[in-house]
């Protein structure tokens, strides 16, 4: 069974519509797909509508990826199997969206001072129905203003401490965990190896996440260093966390693809161990 529990659509910083994402998941023979857009559930209805028209069985998991703050670091918490009608969660996500919009305005102002006239409007147009993110600004800088690459856009303008960097005032991860669990979901620490922190700080992060009621941790995702994966597996066992796996898919590329290389260690209990998945899967 091929399971991918971390993916994005145009409703945040993914390049595909929910319809296109579902169809690509079928092409890649994915059996269980979680759609986890940044701080929004808006793409899920279209994904379910698209799946309802397909002959091939695939389970779509209602998910979200919530931005939080922890000791000065931006930490992402994935919620799986959340109730999309939960009023408290939707109110919380509306607040997250407002933070994103406020940050976007400030980024636009800073980039304007760097000589990029009209960049905010272009980023908002690119985001369309979705949440505007730093990735949208980076894409605009590349497509419209001659910046060489996305990586260059972050290294020179959008990354931490750079000319157009704006620190969003995200809530603490305990708030995200609480809202996810109250909405019937499972809180998952996203891509722990991708944070720019030492092993000592990673241990502290996982400890705090578990202390606040976090239930699972992504142990398999693209580009993970084998030594770092070993440490993450150890931390999952130490804190009795379930193991999740996700590509963090945004668009097709050489480095990431839906459902690719997402196996978890055999001694860990998968986050889906008690899910009611179709029997033939």
C-alpha atoms as a PDB file:
ATOM      1  CA  UNK A   1       0.000   0.000   0.000  1.00  0.00           C
ATOM      2  CA  UNK A   2       1.418   3.378  -1.029  1.00  0.00           C
ATOM      3  CA  UNK A   3       0.699   6.126   1.521  1.00  0.00           C
ATOM      4  CA  UNK A   4       1.591   9.821   1.304  1.00  0.00           C
ATOM      5  CA  UNK A   5       0.448  12.016   4.177  1.00  0.00           C
ATOM      6  CA  UNK A   6       1.853  15.432   3.241  1.00  0.00           C
ATOM      7  CA  UNK A   7       0.989  17.292   0.039  1.00  0.00           C
ATOM      8  CA  UNK A   8      -0.003  20.755  -1.173  1.00  0.00           C
ATOM      9  CA  UNK A   9      -2.261  22.331  -3.782  1.00  0.00           C
ATOM     10  CA  UNK A  10      -2.760  25.796  -5.229  1.00  0.00           C
ATOM     11  CA  UNK A  11      -4.784  26.622  -2.131  1.00  0.00           C
ATOM     12  CA  UNK A  12      -1.405  27.194  -0.478  1.00  0.00           C
ATOM     13  CA  UNK A  13       2.009  26.986  -2.164  1.00  0.00           C
ATOM     14  CA  UNK A  14       1.498  23.920  -4.364  1.00  0.00           C
ATOM     15  CA  UNK A  15       1.477  24.276  -8.145  1.00  0.00           C
ATOM     16  CA  UNK A  16      -1.398  21.866  -8.882  1.00  0.00           C
ATOM     17  CA  UNK A  17      -5.117  22.299  -8.361  1.00  0.00           C
ATOM     18  CA  UNK A  18      -6.776  19.787  -6.014  1.00  0.00           C
ATOM     19  CA  UNK A  19      -8.162  18.054  -9.103  1.00  0.00           C
ATOM     20  CA  UNK A  20      -4.716  17.798 -10.691  1.00  0.00           C
ATOM     21  CA  UNK A  21      -3.164  16.562  -7.453  1.00  0.00           C
ATOM     22  CA  UNK A  22      -5.714  13.770  -7.092  1.00  0.00           C
ATOM     23  CA  UNK A  23      -5.199  12.667 -10.696  1.00  0.00           C
ATOM     24  CA  UNK A  24      -1.420  12.681 -10.286  1.00  0.00           C
ATOM     25  CA  UNK A  25      -1.752  10.612  -7.117  1.00  0.00           C
ATOM     26  CA  UNK A  26      -3.650   8.028  -9.153  1.00  0.00           C
ATOM     27  CA  UNK A  27      -0.956   8.082 -11.825  1.00  0.00           C
ATOM     28  CA  UNK A  28       1.643   7.422  -9.116  1.00  0.00           C
ATOM     29  CA  UNK A  29      -0.506   4.586  -7.711  1.00  0.00           C
ATOM     30  CA  UNK A  30      -0.990   6.242  -4.330  1.00  0.00           C
ATOM     31  CA  UNK A  31      -3.577   4.479  -2.160  1.00  0.00           C
ATOM     32  CA  UNK A  32      -3.895   6.988   0.686  1.00  0.00           C
ATOM     33  CA  UNK A  33      -3.297  10.710   0.149  1.00  0.00           C
ATOM     34  CA  UNK A  34      -3.436  13.448   2.770  1.00  0.00           C
ATOM     35  CA  UNK A  35      -3.847  16.976   1.445  1.00  0.00           C
ATOM     36  CA  UNK A  36      -2.200  19.314   3.947  1.00  0.00           C
ATOM     37  CA  UNK A  37      -2.238  22.867   2.639  1.00  0.00           C
ATOM     38  CA  UNK A  38      -0.722  25.609   4.778  1.00  0.00           C
ATOM     39  CA  UNK A  39      -3.252  26.931   7.286  1.00  0.00           C
ATOM     40  CA  UNK A  40      -6.304  26.172   5.151  1.00  0.00           C
ATOM     41  CA  UNK A  41      -8.812  23.388   4.464  1.00  0.00           C
ATOM     42  CA  UNK A  42     -10.222  25.079   1.377  1.00  0.00           C
ATOM     43  CA  UNK A  43      -8.869  22.656  -1.221  1.00  0.00           C
ATOM     44  CA  UNK A  44     -10.351  19.523   0.323  1.00  0.00           C
ATOM     45  CA  UNK A  45     -13.916  19.663  -1.090  1.00  0.00           C
ATOM     46  CA  UNK A  46     -12.619  19.815  -4.683  1.00  0.00           C
ATOM     47  CA  UNK A  47     -10.275  16.909  -4.004  1.00  0.00           C
ATOM     48  CA  UNK A  48     -13.109  14.750  -2.653  1.00  0.00           C
ATOM     49  CA  UNK A  49     -15.351  15.724  -5.573  1.00  0.00           C
ATOM     50  CA  UNK A  50     -12.643  14.686  -8.014  1.00  0.00           C
ATOM     51  CA  UNK A  51     -12.029  11.376  -6.260  1.00  0.00           C
ATOM     52  CA  UNK A  52     -15.761  10.592  -6.307  1.00  0.00           C
ATOM     53  CA  UNK A  53     -15.574  10.538 -10.119  1.00  0.00           C
ATOM     54  CA  UNK A  54     -12.672   8.049 -10.253  1.00  0.00           C
ATOM     55  CA  UNK A  55     -12.983   4.298 -10.766  1.00  0.00           C
ATOM     56  CA  UNK A  56      -9.770   3.546  -8.888  1.00  0.00           C
ATOM     57  CA  UNK A  57     -10.105   3.521  -5.105  1.00  0.00           C
ATOM     58  CA  UNK A  58      -8.000   6.038  -3.202  1.00  0.00           C
ATOM     59  CA  UNK A  59      -8.551   7.358   0.317  1.00  0.00           C
ATOM     60  CA  UNK A  60      -8.213  11.108   0.766  1.00  0.00           C
ATOM     61  CA  UNK A  61      -7.322  12.228   4.272  1.00  0.00           C
ATOM     62  CA  UNK A  62      -8.493  15.653   5.420  1.00  0.00           C
ATOM     63  CA  UNK A  63      -5.369  17.447   6.531  1.00  0.00           C
ATOM     64  CA  UNK A  64      -3.745  20.803   7.188  1.00  0.00           C
ATOM     65  CA  UNK A  65      -0.214  22.077   7.876  1.00  0.00           C
ATOM     66  CA  UNK A  66      -0.163  24.736  10.579  1.00  0.00           C
ATOM     67  CA  UNK A  67       2.659  27.238  11.040  1.00  0.00           C
ATOM     68  CA  UNK A  68       3.789  27.732  14.638  1.00  0.00           C
ATOM     69  CA  UNK A  69       6.594  29.379  16.590  1.00  0.00           C
ATOM     70  CA  UNK A  70       8.969  27.609  18.960  1.00  0.00           C
ATOM     71  CA  UNK A  71      11.988  29.342  20.525  1.00  0.00           C
ATOM     72  CA  UNK A  72      12.340  31.612  17.526  1.00  0.00           C
ATOM     73  CA  UNK A  73      11.997  28.846  14.942  1.00  0.00           C
ATOM     74  CA  UNK A  74       9.100  28.329  12.526  1.00  0.00           C
ATOM     75  CA  UNK A  75       7.819  24.810  13.181  1.00  0.00           C
ATOM     76  CA  UNK A  76       5.106  23.130  11.123  1.00  0.00           C
ATOM     77  CA  UNK A  77       2.471  20.851  12.630  1.00  0.00           C
ATOM     78  CA  UNK A  78       0.420  18.645  10.314  1.00  0.00           C
ATOM     79  CA  UNK A  79      -3.114  17.720  11.309  1.00  0.00           C
ATOM     80  CA  UNK A  80      -4.497  14.470   9.877  1.00  0.00           C
ATOM     81  CA  UNK A  81      -8.136  13.360   9.816  1.00  0.00           C
ATOM     82  CA  UNK A  82      -9.402  16.672  11.116  1.00  0.00           C
ATOM     83  CA  UNK A  83     -13.087  17.540  11.057  1.00  0.00           C
ATOM     84  CA  UNK A  84     -13.324  20.182   8.335  1.00  0.00           C
ATOM     85  CA  UNK A  85     -16.540  21.523   9.878  1.00  0.00           C
ATOM     86  CA  UNK A  86     -15.018  22.125  13.309  1.00  0.00           C
ATOM     87  CA  UNK A  87     -15.814  25.747  14.171  1.00  0.00           C
ATOM     88  CA  UNK A  88     -12.884  26.289  16.519  1.00  0.00           C
ATOM     89  CA  UNK A  89     -10.333  24.945  14.043  1.00  0.00           C
ATOM     90  CA  UNK A  90     -11.761  27.044  11.224  1.00  0.00           C
ATOM     91  CA  UNK A  91     -11.675  30.158  13.390  1.00  0.00           C
ATOM     92  CA  UNK A  92      -8.060  29.428  14.293  1.00  0.00           C
ATOM     93  CA  UNK A  93      -7.132  28.956  10.631  1.00  0.00           C
ATOM     94  CA  UNK A  94      -8.837  32.246   9.754  1.00  0.00           C
ATOM     95  CA  UNK A  95      -6.495  33.912  12.249  1.00  0.00           C
ATOM     96  CA  UNK A  96      -3.555  32.161  10.595  1.00  0.00           C
ATOM     97  CA  UNK A  97      -4.679  33.472   7.218  1.00  0.00           C
ATOM     98  CA  UNK A  98      -4.815  37.007   8.598  1.00  0.00           C
ATOM     99  CA  UNK A  99      -1.231  36.656   9.857  1.00  0.00           C
ATOM    100  CA  UNK A 100      -0.157  35.498   6.398  1.00  0.00           C
ATOM    101  CA  UNK A 101      -1.835  38.462   4.722  1.00  0.00           C
ATOM    102  CA  UNK A 102      -0.239  40.915   7.137  1.00  0.00           C
ATOM    103  CA  UNK A 103       3.180  39.373   6.514  1.00  0.00           C
ATOM    104  CA  UNK A 104       2.650  39.491   2.745  1.00  0.00           C
ATOM    105  CA  UNK A 105       1.977  43.233   2.857  1.00  0.00           C
ATOM    106  CA  UNK A 106       5.165  43.814   4.840  1.00  0.00           C
ATOM    107  CA  UNK A 107       7.217  41.629   2.488  1.00  0.00           C
ATOM    108  CA  UNK A 108       5.784  43.536  -0.457  1.00  0.00           C
ATOM    109  CA  UNK A 109       6.779  46.845   1.118  1.00  0.00           C
ATOM    110  CA  UNK A 110      10.344  45.659   1.701  1.00  0.00           C
ATOM    111  CA  UNK A 111      10.687  44.265  -1.810  1.00  0.00           C
ATOM    112  CA  UNK A 112       9.296  47.527  -3.189  1.00  0.00           C
ATOM    113  CA  UNK A 113      12.206  49.310  -1.468  1.00  0.00           C
ATOM    114  CA  UNK A 114      14.541  46.828  -3.179  1.00  0.00           C
ATOM    115  CA  UNK A 115      13.253  48.047  -6.525  1.00  0.00           C
ATOM    116  CA  UNK A 116      10.589  45.443  -7.272  1.00  0.00           C
ATOM    117  CA  UNK A 117       7.620  47.649  -8.087  1.00  0.00           C
ATOM    118  CA  UNK A 118       4.206  45.978  -7.935  1.00  0.00           C
ATOM    119  CA  UNK A 119       5.524  42.729  -6.499  1.00  0.00           C
ATOM    120  CA  UNK A 120       2.762  42.338  -3.880  1.00  0.00           C
ATOM    121  CA  UNK A 121      -0.005  42.511  -6.463  1.00  0.00           C
ATOM    122  CA  UNK A 122       1.790  39.964  -8.632  1.00  0.00           C
ATOM    123  CA  UNK A 123       2.291  37.601  -5.684  1.00  0.00           C
ATOM    124  CA  UNK A 124      -1.382  37.886  -4.720  1.00  0.00           C
ATOM    125  CA  UNK A 125      -2.417  37.225  -8.320  1.00  0.00           C
ATOM    126  CA  UNK A 126      -0.166  34.172  -8.448  1.00  0.00           C
ATOM    127  CA  UNK A 127      -1.599  32.847  -5.179  1.00  0.00           C
ATOM    128  CA  UNK A 128      -5.120  33.312  -6.547  1.00  0.00           C
ATOM    129  CA  UNK A 129      -7.578  31.484  -4.289  1.00  0.00           C
ATOM    130  CA  UNK A 130      -4.755  30.206  -2.121  1.00  0.00           C
ATOM    131  CA  UNK A 131      -2.790  31.431   0.863  1.00  0.00           C
ATOM    132  CA  UNK A 132      -0.031  33.828  -0.190  1.00  0.00           C
ATOM    133  CA  UNK A 133       3.354  32.509   0.939  1.00  0.00           C
ATOM    134  CA  UNK A 134       7.001  33.449   0.617  1.00  0.00           C
ATOM    135  CA  UNK A 135       7.214  30.878  -2.172  1.00  0.00           C
ATOM    136  CA  UNK A 136       4.787  32.971  -4.228  1.00  0.00           C
ATOM    137  CA  UNK A 137       7.023  36.016  -3.832  1.00  0.00           C
ATOM    138  CA  UNK A 138      10.049  33.921  -4.812  1.00  0.00           C
ATOM    139  CA  UNK A 139       8.302  32.640  -7.934  1.00  0.00           C
ATOM    140  CA  UNK A 140       7.358  36.187  -8.918  1.00  0.00           C
ATOM    141  CA  UNK A 141      10.935  37.387  -8.427  1.00  0.00           C
ATOM    142  CA  UNK A 142      12.129  34.608 -10.725  1.00  0.00           C
ATOM    143  CA  UNK A 143       9.383  34.892 -13.338  1.00  0.00           C
ATOM    144  CA  UNK A 144       8.943  38.657 -13.471  1.00  0.00           C
ATOM    145  CA  UNK A 145      12.086  40.364 -12.169  1.00  0.00           C
ATOM    146  CA  UNK A 146      15.039  38.334 -13.383  1.00  0.00           C
ATOM    147  CA  UNK A 147      16.150  36.686 -10.145  1.00  0.00           C
ATOM    148  CA  UNK A 148      17.963  33.534 -11.241  1.00  0.00           C
ATOM    149  CA  UNK A 149      16.334  30.861  -9.084  1.00  0.00           C
ATOM    150  CA  UNK A 150      13.942  30.297  -6.195  1.00  0.00           C
ATOM    151  CA  UNK A 151      16.933  29.487  -4.024  1.00  0.00           C
ATOM    152  CA  UNK A 152      18.560  32.784  -4.986  1.00  0.00           C
ATOM    153  CA  UNK A 153      15.362  34.662  -4.124  1.00  0.00           C
ATOM    154  CA  UNK A 154      15.438  33.255  -0.611  1.00  0.00           C
ATOM    155  CA  UNK A 155      19.188  33.639  -0.120  1.00  0.00           C
ATOM    156  CA  UNK A 156      19.206  37.285  -1.181  1.00  0.00           C
ATOM    157  CA  UNK A 157      15.768  38.614  -0.235  1.00  0.00           C
ATOM    158  CA  UNK A 158      13.308  36.312   1.566  1.00  0.00           C
ATOM    159  CA  UNK A 159      15.362  34.086   3.849  1.00  0.00           C
ATOM    160  CA  UNK A 160      15.961  34.684   7.534  1.00  0.00           C
ATOM    161  CA  UNK A 161      17.838  37.944   8.087  1.00  0.00           C
ATOM    162  CA  UNK A 162      17.710  38.969   4.412  1.00  0.00           C
ATOM    163  CA  UNK A 163      16.545  42.298   2.963  1.00  0.00           C
ATOM    164  CA  UNK A 164      12.844  41.435   2.642  1.00  0.00           C
ATOM    165  CA  UNK A 165      12.547  38.965   5.497  1.00  0.00           C
ATOM    166  CA  UNK A 166       9.523  39.411   7.739  1.00  0.00           C
ATOM    167  CA  UNK A 167       9.063  37.341  10.868  1.00  0.00           C
ATOM    168  CA  UNK A 168       5.453  36.231  11.185  1.00  0.00           C
ATOM    169  CA  UNK A 169       4.000  36.156  14.692  1.00  0.00           C
ATOM    170  CA  UNK A 170       2.794  32.565  14.698  1.00  0.00           C
ATOM    171  CA  UNK A 171       1.094  30.934  17.694  1.00  0.00           C
ATOM    172  CA  UNK A 172       2.872  28.391  19.848  1.00  0.00           C
ATOM    173  CA  UNK A 173       2.799  24.789  18.666  1.00  0.00           C
ATOM    174  CA  UNK A 174       0.759  23.815  21.725  1.00  0.00           C
ATOM    175  CA  UNK A 175      -2.137  25.845  20.284  1.00  0.00           C
ATOM    176  CA  UNK A 176      -1.959  24.058  16.945  1.00  0.00           C
ATOM    177  CA  UNK A 177      -1.806  20.665  18.635  1.00  0.00           C
ATOM    178  CA  UNK A 178      -4.790  21.539  20.823  1.00  0.00           C
ATOM    179  CA  UNK A 179      -6.937  22.695  17.887  1.00  0.00           C
ATOM    180  CA  UNK A 180      -6.041  19.660  15.784  1.00  0.00           C
ATOM    181  CA  UNK A 181      -6.899  17.236  18.565  1.00  0.00           C
ATOM    182  CA  UNK A 182     -10.103  19.080  19.457  1.00  0.00           C
ATOM    183  CA  UNK A 183     -11.140  18.686  15.810  1.00  0.00           C
ATOM    184  CA  UNK A 184     -10.685  14.917  16.088  1.00  0.00           C
ATOM    185  CA  UNK A 185      -7.347  14.884  14.292  1.00  0.00           C
ATOM    186  CA  UNK A 186      -3.845  13.613  14.933  1.00  0.00           C
ATOM    187  CA  UNK A 187      -1.037  16.150  15.393  1.00  0.00           C
ATOM    188  CA  UNK A 188       2.145  15.305  13.484  1.00  0.00           C
ATOM    189  CA  UNK A 189       5.521  17.052  13.697  1.00  0.00           C
ATOM    190  CA  UNK A 190       6.340  17.829  10.059  1.00  0.00           C
ATOM    191  CA  UNK A 191       9.741  17.212   8.395  1.00  0.00           C
ATOM    192  CA  UNK A 192      11.804  17.443  11.617  1.00  0.00           C
ATOM    193  CA  UNK A 193      15.105  17.013   9.778  1.00  0.00           C
ATOM    194  CA  UNK A 194      14.533  20.148   7.707  1.00  0.00           C
ATOM    195  CA  UNK A 195      14.742  22.629  10.564  1.00  0.00           C
ATOM    196  CA  UNK A 196      18.043  24.466  10.933  1.00  0.00           C
ATOM    197  CA  UNK A 197      18.701  23.202  14.450  1.00  0.00           C
ATOM    198  CA  UNK A 198      21.293  20.994  16.138  1.00  0.00           C
ATOM    199  CA  UNK A 199      20.613  17.457  17.302  1.00  0.00           C
ATOM    200  CA  UNK A 200      20.365  18.786  20.874  1.00  0.00           C
ATOM    201  CA  UNK A 201      17.671  21.271  19.850  1.00  0.00           C
ATOM    202  CA  UNK A 202      15.875  18.622  17.795  1.00  0.00           C
ATOM    203  CA  UNK A 203      15.684  16.437  20.889  1.00  0.00           C
ATOM    204  CA  UNK A 204      14.256  19.372  22.812  1.00  0.00           C
ATOM    205  CA  UNK A 205      11.735  20.095  20.048  1.00  0.00           C
ATOM    206  CA  UNK A 206      10.449  16.523  19.949  1.00  0.00           C
ATOM    207  CA  UNK A 207      10.261  16.411  23.742  1.00  0.00           C
ATOM    208  CA  UNK A 208       8.214  19.626  23.854  1.00  0.00           C
ATOM    209  CA  UNK A 209       5.993  18.442  20.993  1.00  0.00           C
ATOM    210  CA  UNK A 210       5.213  15.196  22.809  1.00  0.00           C
ATOM    211  CA  UNK A 211       4.740  17.033  26.122  1.00  0.00           C
ATOM    212  CA  UNK A 212       2.083  19.254  24.531  1.00  0.00           C
ATOM    213  CA  UNK A 213       0.127  16.262  23.230  1.00  0.00           C
ATOM    214  CA  UNK A 214       1.659  15.703  19.809  1.00  0.00           C
ATOM    215  CA  UNK A 215       0.892  12.209  18.585  1.00  0.00           C
ATOM    216  CA  UNK A 216       3.115  11.461  15.597  1.00  0.00           C
ATOM    217  CA  UNK A 217       6.264  12.519  13.756  1.00  0.00           C
ATOM    218  CA  UNK A 218       7.249  12.352  10.103  1.00  0.00           C
ATOM    219  CA  UNK A 219      10.072   9.815   9.930  1.00  0.00           C
ATOM    220  CA  UNK A 220      10.142   9.418   6.156  1.00  0.00           C
ATOM    221  CA  UNK A 221      10.304  12.274   3.656  1.00  0.00           C
ATOM    222  CA  UNK A 222      12.435  13.238   0.640  1.00  0.00           C
ATOM    223  CA  UNK A 223      16.085  14.136   1.087  1.00  0.00           C
ATOM    224  CA  UNK A 224      16.390  13.000   4.687  1.00  0.00           C
ATOM    225  CA  UNK A 225      19.929  12.264   5.838  1.00  0.00           C
ATOM    226  CA  UNK A 226      20.244   8.619   7.010  1.00  0.00           C
ATOM    227  CA  UNK A 227      21.920   9.630  10.276  1.00  0.00           C
ATOM    228  CA  UNK A 228      19.241  12.220  10.968  1.00  0.00           C
ATOM    229  CA  UNK A 229      16.534   9.673  10.120  1.00  0.00           C
ATOM    230  CA  UNK A 230      18.076   7.241  12.615  1.00  0.00           C
ATOM    231  CA  UNK A 231      17.911   9.931  15.307  1.00  0.00           C
ATOM    232  CA  UNK A 232      14.302  10.764  14.431  1.00  0.00           C
ATOM    233  CA  UNK A 233      13.364   7.078  14.626  1.00  0.00           C
ATOM    234  CA  UNK A 234      15.012   6.908  18.050  1.00  0.00           C
ATOM    235  CA  UNK A 235      13.119   9.981  19.228  1.00  0.00           C
ATOM    236  CA  UNK A 236       9.839   8.545  17.943  1.00  0.00           C
ATOM    237  CA  UNK A 237      10.416   5.408  19.997  1.00  0.00           C
ATOM    238  CA  UNK A 238      11.610   7.335  23.049  1.00  0.00           C
ATOM    239  CA  UNK A 239       8.493   9.518  23.140  1.00  0.00           C
ATOM    240  CA  UNK A 240       6.004   6.842  21.988  1.00  0.00           C
ATOM    241  CA  UNK A 241       5.153   8.823  18.863  1.00  0.00           C
ATOM    242  CA  UNK A 242       3.495   7.230  15.853  1.00  0.00           C
ATOM    243  CA  UNK A 243       5.394   7.354  12.565  1.00  0.00           C
ATOM    244  CA  UNK A 244       4.095   9.304   9.586  1.00  0.00           C
ATOM    245  CA  UNK A 245       5.414   9.583   6.044  1.00  0.00           C
ATOM    246  CA  UNK A 246       4.910  12.327   3.496  1.00  0.00           C
ATOM    247  CA  UNK A 247       6.535  13.699   0.370  1.00  0.00           C
ATOM    248  CA  UNK A 248       5.690  17.355   1.143  1.00  0.00           C
ATOM    249  CA  UNK A 249       4.747  17.412  -2.536  1.00  0.00           C
ATOM    250  CA  UNK A 250       4.350  20.832  -4.164  1.00  0.00           C
ATOM    251  CA  UNK A 251       5.014  20.068  -7.843  1.00  0.00           C
ATOM    252  CA  UNK A 252       6.581  17.288  -9.918  1.00  0.00           C
ATOM    253  CA  UNK A 253      10.368  17.347  -9.804  1.00  0.00           C
ATOM    254  CA  UNK A 254      13.449  15.137  -9.760  1.00  0.00           C
ATOM    255  CA  UNK A 255      13.608  15.392  -5.980  1.00  0.00           C
ATOM    256  CA  UNK A 256      10.020  14.919  -4.844  1.00  0.00           C
ATOM    257  CA  UNK A 257       7.156  12.843  -6.105  1.00  0.00           C
ATOM    258  CA  UNK A 258       3.944  11.585  -4.584  1.00  0.00           C
ATOM    259  CA  UNK A 259       4.395   8.332  -2.690  1.00  0.00           C
ATOM    260  CA  UNK A 260       8.089   7.878  -3.509  1.00  0.00           C
ATOM    261  CA  UNK A 261      10.523   6.350  -0.965  1.00  0.00           C
ATOM    262  CA  UNK A 262       8.266   6.828   2.052  1.00  0.00           C
ATOM    263  CA  UNK A 263       8.791   3.595   3.944  1.00  0.00           C
ATOM    264  CA  UNK A 264       8.963   3.776   7.735  1.00  0.00           C
ATOM    265  CA  UNK A 265      11.049   1.625  10.068  1.00  0.00           C
ATOM    266  CA  UNK A 266       9.446  -1.719  10.866  1.00  0.00           C
ATOM    267  CA  UNK A 267       9.753  -1.253  14.632  1.00  0.00           C
ATOM    268  CA  UNK A 268       7.687   1.943  14.593  1.00  0.00           C
ATOM    269  CA  UNK A 269       3.899   2.000  14.708  1.00  0.00           C
ATOM    270  CA  UNK A 270       2.452   3.884  11.722  1.00  0.00           C
ATOM    271  CA  UNK A 271       0.036   6.740  12.313  1.00  0.00           C
ATOM    272  CA  UNK A 272      -2.513   4.911  10.138  1.00  0.00           C
ATOM    273  CA  UNK A 273      -2.379   1.660  12.159  1.00  0.00           C
ATOM    274  CA  UNK A 274      -5.973   2.028  13.362  1.00  0.00           C
ATOM    275  CA  UNK A 275      -7.499   3.893  10.412  1.00  0.00           C
ATOM    276  CA  UNK A 276     -10.537   2.351   8.744  1.00  0.00           C
ATOM    277  CA  UNK A 277      -9.011   1.994   5.281  1.00  0.00           C
ATOM    278  CA  UNK A 278     -10.710  -0.065   2.542  1.00  0.00           C
ATOM    279  CA  UNK A 279     -10.027  -3.742   3.191  1.00  0.00           C
ATOM    280  CA  UNK A 280      -8.547  -4.492  -0.240  1.00  0.00           C
ATOM    281  CA  UNK A 281      -5.842  -1.890   0.317  1.00  0.00           C
END
